[in-house]
């Protein structure tokens, strides 16, 4: 059977999807602390924190949005705390 199994498919550096989700959760926790202190984090900083891993980057932004942060858009590429 040629179906994709998210538990075993390797992404960047041989990580599984579940490992990428766990890494993104940890990074989003770190970034939330920084956002609460400084008021914002740029998308570039998020990309650097995720070591330029596209999947982890997207998941991190998803988790920040889920946790109540404004992740911005292409005109305003920064993550801020929703007031």
Protein backbone atom coordinates (compact mmCIF):
# COMPACT_ATOMS: atom_id res chain seq x y z
CA UNK A 1 0.00 0.00 0.00
CA UNK A 2 1.41 3.40 -1.00
CA UNK A 3 -0.55 5.56 1.45
CA UNK A 4 1.35 8.18 3.45
CA UNK A 5 1.74 7.44 7.13
CA UNK A 6 2.47 10.67 9.05
CA UNK A 7 4.06 8.72 11.87
CA UNK A 8 6.83 7.29 9.71
CA UNK A 9 7.42 9.73 6.86
CA UNK A 10 10.70 11.56 7.26
CA UNK A 11 10.79 15.34 6.90
CA UNK A 12 13.84 17.61 7.18
CA UNK A 13 16.73 15.89 8.95
CA UNK A 14 14.76 12.63 9.16
CA UNK A 15 12.17 13.88 11.67
CA UNK A 16 8.65 12.51 11.67
CA UNK A 17 5.59 14.76 11.58
CA UNK A 18 4.94 14.13 15.29
CA UNK A 19 8.50 15.16 16.14
CA UNK A 20 8.06 18.34 14.08
CA UNK A 21 4.83 19.12 15.98
CA UNK A 22 6.61 18.68 19.31
CA UNK A 23 9.49 20.92 18.23
CA UNK A 24 7.02 23.58 17.03
CA UNK A 25 5.16 23.47 20.37
CA UNK A 26 8.43 24.05 22.25
CA UNK A 27 9.48 26.90 19.96
CA UNK A 28 6.06 28.54 20.25
CA UNK A 29 6.39 28.46 24.06
CA UNK A 30 9.74 30.25 23.82
CA UNK A 31 8.40 32.80 21.36
CA UNK A 32 5.32 33.49 23.50
CA UNK A 33 7.62 34.54 26.35
CA UNK A 34 9.53 36.85 24.02
CA UNK A 35 6.32 38.33 22.58
CA UNK A 36 4.97 38.97 26.08
CA UNK A 37 8.22 40.79 26.99
CA UNK A 38 8.82 42.79 23.81
CA UNK A 39 5.32 43.01 22.32
CA UNK A 40 6.19 41.44 18.96
CA UNK A 41 8.37 39.00 17.05
CA UNK A 42 9.07 39.27 13.32
CA UNK A 43 8.50 36.39 10.93
CA UNK A 44 12.24 36.42 10.28
CA UNK A 45 12.89 35.71 13.97
CA UNK A 46 10.37 32.85 13.88
CA UNK A 47 12.12 31.43 10.81
CA UNK A 48 15.49 31.63 12.54
CA UNK A 49 14.10 30.02 15.71
CA UNK A 50 12.83 27.09 13.61
CA UNK A 51 16.22 26.68 11.92
CA UNK A 52 14.65 27.44 8.52
CA UNK A 53 12.53 24.26 8.66
CA UNK A 54 9.40 25.09 6.65
CA UNK A 55 7.12 22.56 8.34
CA UNK A 56 8.17 23.54 11.87
CA UNK A 57 7.86 27.24 10.89
CA UNK A 58 4.28 26.81 9.67
CA UNK A 59 3.30 24.72 12.68
CA UNK A 60 4.83 27.29 15.04
CA UNK A 61 2.77 30.08 13.47
CA UNK A 62 -0.31 27.85 13.66
CA UNK A 63 0.22 27.21 17.37
CA UNK A 64 0.83 30.91 18.08
CA UNK A 65 -2.46 31.77 16.32
CA UNK A 66 -4.22 28.99 18.26
CA UNK A 67 -2.90 30.47 21.51
CA UNK A 68 -4.40 33.88 20.75
CA UNK A 69 -1.59 35.76 19.01
CA UNK A 70 -2.00 37.78 15.82
CA UNK A 71 0.41 36.21 13.32
CA UNK A 72 0.06 39.06 10.82
CA UNK A 73 0.09 38.79 7.03
CA UNK A 74 2.37 39.61 4.10
CA UNK A 75 1.86 43.35 4.61
CA UNK A 76 2.57 43.14 8.33
CA UNK A 77 4.97 40.20 8.84
CA UNK A 78 5.11 40.02 12.61
CA UNK A 79 3.51 38.18 15.49
CA UNK A 80 1.90 40.34 18.16
CA UNK A 81 -0.16 39.86 21.26
CA UNK A 82 -3.87 40.37 20.68
CA UNK A 83 -5.16 43.11 22.97
